[in-house]
Amino acid sequence: MDYGFLIHFFQEHGYLGVFVLSWIGFFGLPVPNEVIIMSSGMLSSKALLDPTLSFFMTYLGVISVLTLSYALGKYGGTAVLCVLSRNGRLKKGIQKGSSMLYRWGDKILIFSFFVPGLRLLMPFVVGSNRLSFYRFAALTYPGGFLWVVVYFTIGSQYGKHIFQLNRYLQGFQWAVPFVCAAILIFGTLGYAIGSKNGLRAAQKHTK
């Protein structure tokens, strides 16, 4: 898929185009979702799209398709499962998702975004296992937010190289949530230490 196609599509259809491509990108059409999110971030950084609205429409597209997957699993039941299982790749993905759910519990939803091939199937798996919608939303929506933030930010900083970056990142997606967690922890500690030192300096100065 040509990079210029994405740019033209976004410019032609605006924020609706962002939503549509974010939705169908989960199926790898026309390109992987990571590339679509990074493209949205790149255009926002160049002021061709409003960053806040572009991010919101991207995130909305992501959570809507995942919610649909969950609903198909919960309400479609065996009929939908039988249809999907006819595809060997989907059957293998569902089996892998079921195994991970059994091993790690429903918290695997948070990290499934960063496991290629599972981000769309895990909602279906937990839905078919009768996980409540509130629990599904509490785990999936924040995980989706983190995932979109990561790739939207990468696109805004390195937009010209998104296809190369996507190929490179494919093998390391599993590490992204841990890296983000480490950055958050060390950032919080650094802020706390800095604030504490600043408070001590202010108290010393007043004396």
C-alpha atoms as a PDB file:
ATOM      1  CA  MET A   1       0.000   0.000   0.000  1.00  0.00           C
ATOM      2  CA  ASP A   2       1.356   3.386  -1.001  1.00  0.00           C
ATOM      3  CA  TYR A   3       1.976   5.919   1.767  1.00  0.00           C
ATOM      4  CA  GLY A   4       0.519   8.633  -0.439  1.00  0.00           C
ATOM      5  CA  PHE A   5      -2.821   6.807  -0.481  1.00  0.00           C
ATOM      6  CA  LEU A   6      -3.225   7.242   3.273  1.00  0.00           C
ATOM      7  CA  ILE A   7      -2.366  10.919   3.138  1.00  0.00           C
ATOM      8  CA  HIS A   8      -4.755  11.512   0.238  1.00  0.00           C
ATOM      9  CA  PHE A   9      -7.542   9.528   1.929  1.00  0.00           C
ATOM     10  CA  PHE A  10      -7.218  11.475   5.180  1.00  0.00           C
ATOM     11  CA  GLN A  11      -7.108  14.794   3.372  1.00  0.00           C
ATOM     12  CA  GLU A  12     -10.072  13.851   1.176  1.00  0.00           C
ATOM     13  CA  HIS A  13     -12.333  12.448   3.902  1.00  0.00           C
ATOM     14  CA  GLY A  14     -11.050  14.229   6.998  1.00  0.00           C
ATOM     15  CA  TYR A  15     -11.917  12.886  10.431  1.00  0.00           C
ATOM     16  CA  LEU A  16     -14.483  10.453   9.057  1.00  0.00           C
ATOM     17  CA  GLY A  17     -11.648   8.931   7.040  1.00  0.00           C
ATOM     18  CA  VAL A  18      -9.575   8.637  10.209  1.00  0.00           C
ATOM     19  CA  PHE A  19     -12.403   6.750  11.911  1.00  0.00           C
ATOM     20  CA  VAL A  20     -13.102   4.446   8.951  1.00  0.00           C
ATOM     21  CA  LEU A  21      -9.476   3.474   8.381  1.00  0.00           C
ATOM     22  CA  SER A  22      -8.910   2.975  12.117  1.00  0.00           C
ATOM     23  CA  TRP A  23     -11.888   0.611  12.076  1.00  0.00           C
ATOM     24  CA  ILE A  24     -11.023  -1.500   9.044  1.00  0.00           C
ATOM     25  CA  GLY A  25      -7.303  -1.350   9.804  1.00  0.00           C
ATOM     26  CA  PHE A  26      -7.849  -4.080  12.388  1.00  0.00           C
ATOM     27  CA  PHE A  27      -8.380  -6.457   9.494  1.00  0.00           C
ATOM     28  CA  GLY A  28      -5.156  -5.333   7.819  1.00  0.00           C
ATOM     29  CA  LEU A  29      -7.064  -3.369   5.168  1.00  0.00           C
ATOM     30  CA  PRO A  30      -5.676  -1.375   3.495  1.00  0.00           C
ATOM     31  CA  VAL A  31      -2.635  -1.422   5.804  1.00  0.00           C
ATOM     32  CA  PRO A  32      -1.960  -2.489   9.414  1.00  0.00           C
ATOM     33  CA  ASN A  33      -3.627  -0.352  12.048  1.00  0.00           C
ATOM     34  CA  GLU A  34      -0.316   0.792  13.480  1.00  0.00           C
ATOM     35  CA  VAL A  35       0.520   2.500  10.170  1.00  0.00           C
ATOM     36  CA  ILE A  36      -2.890   4.191  10.071  1.00  0.00           C
ATOM     37  CA  ILE A  37      -2.515   5.521  13.614  1.00  0.00           C
ATOM     38  CA  MET A  38       1.004   6.772  12.919  1.00  0.00           C
ATOM     39  CA  SER A  39      -0.231   8.472   9.734  1.00  0.00           C
ATOM     40  CA  SER A  40      -2.931  10.237  11.732  1.00  0.00           C
ATOM     41  CA  GLY A  41      -0.302  11.414  14.194  1.00  0.00           C
ATOM     42  CA  MET A  42       1.974  12.612  11.410  1.00  0.00           C
ATOM     43  CA  LEU A  43      -0.749  14.702   9.743  1.00  0.00           C
ATOM     44  CA  SER A  44      -1.680  16.179  13.112  1.00  0.00           C
ATOM     45  CA  SER A  45       1.915  17.218  13.741  1.00  0.00           C
ATOM     46  CA  LYS A  46       1.883  19.106  10.427  1.00  0.00           C
ATOM     47  CA  ALA A  47      -1.362  20.896  11.355  1.00  0.00           C
ATOM     48  CA  LEU A  48      -3.228  19.164   8.508  1.00  0.00           C
ATOM     49  CA  LEU A  49      -5.545  17.653  11.120  1.00  0.00           C
ATOM     50  CA  ASP A  50      -6.475  18.887  14.565  1.00  0.00           C
ATOM     51  CA  PRO A  51      -4.454  16.713  17.000  1.00  0.00           C
ATOM     52  CA  THR A  52      -7.198  16.349  19.613  1.00  0.00           C
ATOM     53  CA  LEU A  53      -9.988  15.524  17.175  1.00  0.00           C
ATOM     54  CA  SER A  54      -7.764  13.263  15.095  1.00  0.00           C
ATOM     55  CA  PHE A  55      -6.699  11.321  18.183  1.00  0.00           C
ATOM     56  CA  PHE A  56     -10.286  11.045  19.400  1.00  0.00           C
ATOM     57  CA  MET A  57     -11.559   9.692  16.056  1.00  0.00           C
ATOM     58  CA  THR A  58      -8.683   7.227  15.891  1.00  0.00           C
ATOM     59  CA  TYR A  59      -9.404   5.991  19.403  1.00  0.00           C
ATOM     60  CA  LEU A  60     -13.144   5.847  18.695  1.00  0.00           C
ATOM     61  CA  GLY A  61     -12.528   3.671  15.641  1.00  0.00           C
ATOM     62  CA  VAL A  62     -10.334   1.338  17.679  1.00  0.00           C
ATOM     63  CA  ILE A  63     -12.694   0.807  20.610  1.00  0.00           C
ATOM     64  CA  SER A  64     -15.785   0.500  18.417  1.00  0.00           C
ATOM     65  CA  VAL A  65     -14.418  -2.430  16.409  1.00  0.00           C
ATOM     66  CA  LEU A  66     -13.210  -4.122  19.602  1.00  0.00           C
ATOM     67  CA  THR A  67     -16.616  -3.659  21.205  1.00  0.00           C
ATOM     68  CA  LEU A  68     -18.205  -5.255  18.147  1.00  0.00           C
ATOM     69  CA  SER A  69     -15.806  -8.191  18.441  1.00  0.00           C
ATOM     70  CA  TYR A  70     -16.788  -8.584  22.100  1.00  0.00           C
ATOM     71  CA  ALA A  71     -20.496  -8.456  21.233  1.00  0.00           C
ATOM     72  CA  LEU A  72     -20.059 -11.120  18.547  1.00  0.00           C
ATOM     73  CA  GLY A  73     -18.373 -13.368  21.072  1.00  0.00           C
ATOM     74  CA  LYS A  74     -20.947 -12.816  23.786  1.00  0.00           C
ATOM     75  CA  TYR A  75     -24.133 -12.879  21.730  1.00  0.00           C
ATOM     76  CA  GLY A  76     -23.098 -14.774  18.613  1.00  0.00           C
ATOM     77  CA  GLY A  77     -22.075 -17.808  20.567  1.00  0.00           C
ATOM     78  CA  THR A  78     -21.278 -21.119  18.926  1.00  0.00           C
ATOM     79  CA  ALA A  79     -22.620 -20.102  15.517  1.00  0.00           C
ATOM     80  CA  VAL A  80     -20.076 -17.296  15.067  1.00  0.00           C
ATOM     81  CA  LEU A  81     -17.312 -19.433  16.553  1.00  0.00           C
ATOM     82  CA  CYS A  82     -17.991 -22.197  14.029  1.00  0.00           C
ATOM     83  CA  VAL A  83     -17.847 -19.731  11.141  1.00  0.00           C
ATOM     84  CA  LEU A  84     -14.560 -18.208  12.324  1.00  0.00           C
ATOM     85  CA  SER A  85     -13.031 -21.614  13.007  1.00  0.00           C
ATOM     86  CA  ARG A  86     -13.300 -22.494   9.322  1.00  0.00           C
ATOM     87  CA  ASN A  87     -10.369 -20.170   8.797  1.00  0.00           C
ATOM     88  CA  GLY A  88      -7.248 -21.911  10.059  1.00  0.00           C
ATOM     89  CA  ARG A  89      -5.504 -18.686  11.027  1.00  0.00           C
ATOM     90  CA  LEU A  90      -8.492 -17.383  12.991  1.00  0.00           C
ATOM     91  CA  LYS A  91      -8.999 -20.752  14.650  1.00  0.00           C
ATOM     92  CA  LYS A  92      -5.379 -20.779  15.779  1.00  0.00           C
ATOM     93  CA  GLY A  93      -5.699 -17.208  17.067  1.00  0.00           C
ATOM     94  CA  ILE A  94      -8.845 -18.017  19.050  1.00  0.00           C
ATOM     95  CA  GLN A  95      -7.175 -21.075  20.572  1.00  0.00           C
ATOM     96  CA  LYS A  96      -4.132 -19.003  21.512  1.00  0.00           C
ATOM     97  CA  GLY A  97      -6.351 -16.295  23.003  1.00  0.00           C
ATOM     98  CA  SER A  98      -8.308 -18.859  25.021  1.00  0.00           C
ATOM     99  CA  SER A  99      -5.073 -20.347  26.334  1.00  0.00           C
ATOM    100  CA  MET A 100      -3.758 -16.931  27.371  1.00  0.00           C
ATOM    101  CA  LEU A 101      -7.086 -16.061  29.022  1.00  0.00           C
ATOM    102  CA  TYR A 102      -6.964 -19.304  31.019  1.00  0.00           C
ATOM    103  CA  ARG A 103      -3.365 -18.681  32.043  1.00  0.00           C
ATOM    104  CA  TRP A 104      -3.370 -14.949  32.767  1.00  0.00           C
ATOM    105  CA  GLY A 105      -7.022 -14.106  33.354  1.00  0.00           C
ATOM    106  CA  ASP A 106      -8.969 -11.222  31.861  1.00  0.00           C
ATOM    107  CA  LYS A 107      -6.129  -8.747  32.512  1.00  0.00           C
ATOM    108  CA  ILE A 108      -4.527 -10.084  29.340  1.00  0.00           C
ATOM    109  CA  LEU A 109      -6.904  -7.728  27.519  1.00  0.00           C
ATOM    110  CA  ILE A 110      -4.691  -4.796  28.499  1.00  0.00           C
ATOM    111  CA  PHE A 111      -1.629  -6.300  26.836  1.00  0.00           C
ATOM    112  CA  SER A 112      -3.299  -8.043  23.902  1.00  0.00           C
ATOM    113  CA  PHE A 113      -3.054  -4.826  21.863  1.00  0.00           C
ATOM    114  CA  PHE A 114       0.675  -5.376  21.677  1.00  0.00           C
ATOM    115  CA  VAL A 115       0.454  -9.034  20.617  1.00  0.00           C
ATOM    116  CA  PRO A 116       0.100  -9.213  16.808  1.00  0.00           C
ATOM    117  CA  GLY A 117      -2.977 -11.146  15.730  1.00  0.00           C
ATOM    118  CA  LEU A 118      -4.662 -11.090  19.131  1.00  0.00           C
ATOM    119  CA  ARG A 119      -5.916  -7.536  19.608  1.00  0.00           C
ATOM    120  CA  LEU A 120      -9.055  -8.181  17.559  1.00  0.00           C
ATOM    121  CA  LEU A 121      -9.648 -11.763  18.716  1.00  0.00           C
ATOM    122  CA  MET A 122      -9.230 -11.359  22.484  1.00  0.00           C
ATOM    123  CA  PRO A 123     -12.464  -9.339  22.865  1.00  0.00           C
ATOM    124  CA  PHE A 124     -14.268 -12.131  21.010  1.00  0.00           C
ATOM    125  CA  VAL A 125     -12.700 -14.747  23.277  1.00  0.00           C
ATOM    126  CA  VAL A 126     -13.628 -12.976  26.527  1.00  0.00           C
ATOM    127  CA  GLY A 127     -17.093 -12.257  25.177  1.00  0.00           C
ATOM    128  CA  SER A 128     -17.658 -15.934  24.416  1.00  0.00           C
ATOM    129  CA  ASN A 129     -16.511 -16.653  27.975  1.00  0.00           C
ATOM    130  CA  ARG A 130     -19.289 -14.360  29.271  1.00  0.00           C
ATOM    131  CA  LEU A 131     -17.085 -11.621  30.690  1.00  0.00           C
ATOM    132  CA  SER A 132     -19.283  -8.693  31.721  1.00  0.00           C
ATOM    133  CA  PHE A 133     -19.259  -5.628  29.484  1.00  0.00           C
ATOM    134  CA  TYR A 134     -18.197  -3.361  32.352  1.00  0.00           C
ATOM    135  CA  ARG A 135     -15.170  -5.528  33.073  1.00  0.00           C
ATOM    136  CA  PHE A 136     -14.371  -5.719  29.360  1.00  0.00           C
ATOM    137  CA  ALA A 137     -14.565  -1.931  28.994  1.00  0.00           C
ATOM    138  CA  ALA A 138     -12.541  -1.297  32.157  1.00  0.00           C
ATOM    139  CA  LEU A 139      -9.663  -3.369  30.785  1.00  0.00           C
ATOM    140  CA  THR A 140      -9.888  -2.821  27.035  1.00  0.00           C
ATOM    141  CA  TYR A 141     -10.554   0.893  26.732  1.00  0.00           C
ATOM    142  CA  PRO A 142      -7.537   2.024  28.814  1.00  0.00           C
ATOM    143  CA  GLY A 143      -5.349  -0.532  27.014  1.00  0.00           C
ATOM    144  CA  GLY A 144      -6.566   0.796  23.679  1.00  0.00           C
ATOM    145  CA  PHE A 145      -5.906   4.346  24.817  1.00  0.00           C
ATOM    146  CA  LEU A 146      -2.304   3.490  25.698  1.00  0.00           C
ATOM    147  CA  TRP A 147      -1.806   1.702  22.384  1.00  0.00           C
ATOM    148  CA  VAL A 148      -3.143   4.645  20.366  1.00  0.00           C
ATOM    149  CA  VAL A 149      -1.066   7.127  22.390  1.00  0.00           C
ATOM    150  CA  VAL A 150       2.119   5.171  21.663  1.00  0.00           C
ATOM    151  CA  TYR A 151       1.668   4.945  17.892  1.00  0.00           C
ATOM    152  CA  PHE A 152       0.061   8.367  17.499  1.00  0.00           C
ATOM    153  CA  THR A 153       3.082   9.898  19.232  1.00  0.00           C
ATOM    154  CA  ILE A 154       5.542   7.895  17.131  1.00  0.00           C
ATOM    155  CA  GLY A 155       3.778   9.075  13.991  1.00  0.00           C
ATOM    156  CA  SER A 156       3.865  12.700  15.088  1.00  0.00           C
ATOM    157  CA  GLN A 157       7.617  12.490  15.658  1.00  0.00           C
ATOM    158  CA  TYR A 158       8.795  10.166  12.875  1.00  0.00           C
ATOM    159  CA  GLY A 159       5.963  10.306  10.344  1.00  0.00           C
ATOM    160  CA  LYS A 160       8.117  10.043   7.222  1.00  0.00           C
ATOM    161  CA  HIS A 161       9.390   6.629   8.243  1.00  0.00           C
ATOM    162  CA  ILE A 162       6.191   4.962   9.466  1.00  0.00           C
ATOM    163  CA  PHE A 163       6.350   1.914   7.175  1.00  0.00           C
ATOM    164  CA  GLN A 164       9.959   1.196   8.117  1.00  0.00           C
ATOM    165  CA  LEU A 165       9.171   1.789  11.780  1.00  0.00           C
ATOM    166  CA  ASN A 166       6.186  -0.539  11.641  1.00  0.00           C
ATOM    167  CA  ARG A 167       8.306  -3.371  10.231  1.00  0.00           C
ATOM    168  CA  TYR A 168      10.887  -2.805  12.945  1.00  0.00           C
ATOM    169  CA  LEU A 169       8.378  -2.540  15.792  1.00  0.00           C
ATOM    170  CA  GLN A 170       6.420  -5.672  14.850  1.00  0.00           C
ATOM    171  CA  GLY A 171       8.884  -7.886  16.681  1.00  0.00           C
ATOM    172  CA  PHE A 172       8.969  -5.735  19.812  1.00  0.00           C
ATOM    173  CA  GLN A 173       5.322  -4.831  20.399  1.00  0.00           C
ATOM    174  CA  TRP A 174       5.117  -7.116  23.414  1.00  0.00           C
ATOM    175  CA  ALA A 175       7.724  -4.945  25.166  1.00  0.00           C
ATOM    176  CA  VAL A 176       5.928  -1.624  24.607  1.00  0.00           C
ATOM    177  CA  PRO A 177       3.605  -1.757  27.667  1.00  0.00           C
ATOM    178  CA  PHE A 178       6.544  -2.620  29.920  1.00  0.00           C
ATOM    179  CA  VAL A 179       8.613   0.233  28.515  1.00  0.00           C
ATOM    180  CA  CYS A 180       5.682   2.627  29.006  1.00  0.00           C
ATOM    181  CA  ALA A 181       5.210   1.381  32.567  1.00  0.00           C
ATOM    182  CA  ALA A 182       8.918   1.870  33.293  1.00  0.00           C
ATOM    183  CA  ILE A 183       8.837   5.404  31.865  1.00  0.00           C
ATOM    184  CA  LEU A 184       5.753   6.209  33.957  1.00  0.00           C
ATOM    185  CA  ILE A 185       7.306   4.808  37.141  1.00  0.00           C
ATOM    186  CA  PHE A 186      10.666   6.530  36.727  1.00  0.00           C
ATOM    187  CA  GLY A 187       8.991   9.736  35.581  1.00  0.00           C
ATOM    188  CA  THR A 188       6.774   9.745  38.671  1.00  0.00           C
ATOM    189  CA  LEU A 189       9.739   9.010  40.940  1.00  0.00           C
ATOM    190  CA  GLY A 190      11.774  11.752  39.295  1.00  0.00           C
ATOM    191  CA  TYR A 191       8.945  14.235  39.700  1.00  0.00           C
ATOM    192  CA  ALA A 192       8.442  13.248  43.343  1.00  0.00           C
ATOM    193  CA  ILE A 193      12.159  13.553  44.127  1.00  0.00           C
ATOM    194  CA  GLY A 194      12.395  16.879  42.306  1.00  0.00           C
ATOM    195  CA  SER A 195       9.367  18.236  44.146  1.00  0.00           C
ATOM    196  CA  LYS A 196      10.761  17.065  47.480  1.00  0.00           C
ATOM    197  CA  ASN A 197      14.140  18.679  46.831  1.00  0.00           C
ATOM    198  CA  GLY A 198      12.436  21.870  45.692  1.00  0.00           C
ATOM    199  CA  LEU A 199      10.352  21.955  48.866  1.00  0.00           C
ATOM    200  CA  ARG A 200      13.443  21.480  51.032  1.00  0.00           C
ATOM    201  CA  ALA A 201      15.245  24.270  49.180  1.00  0.00           C
ATOM    202  CA  ALA A 202      12.261  26.596  49.636  1.00  0.00           C
ATOM    203  CA  GLN A 203      12.062  25.804  53.348  1.00  0.00           C
ATOM    204  CA  LYS A 204      15.794  26.371  53.744  1.00  0.00           C
ATOM    205  CA  HIS A 205      15.544  29.685  51.906  1.00  0.00           C
ATOM    206  CA  THR A 206      12.703  30.917  54.130  1.00  0.00           C
ATOM    207  CA  LYS A 207      14.782  30.166  57.210  1.00  0.00           C
END
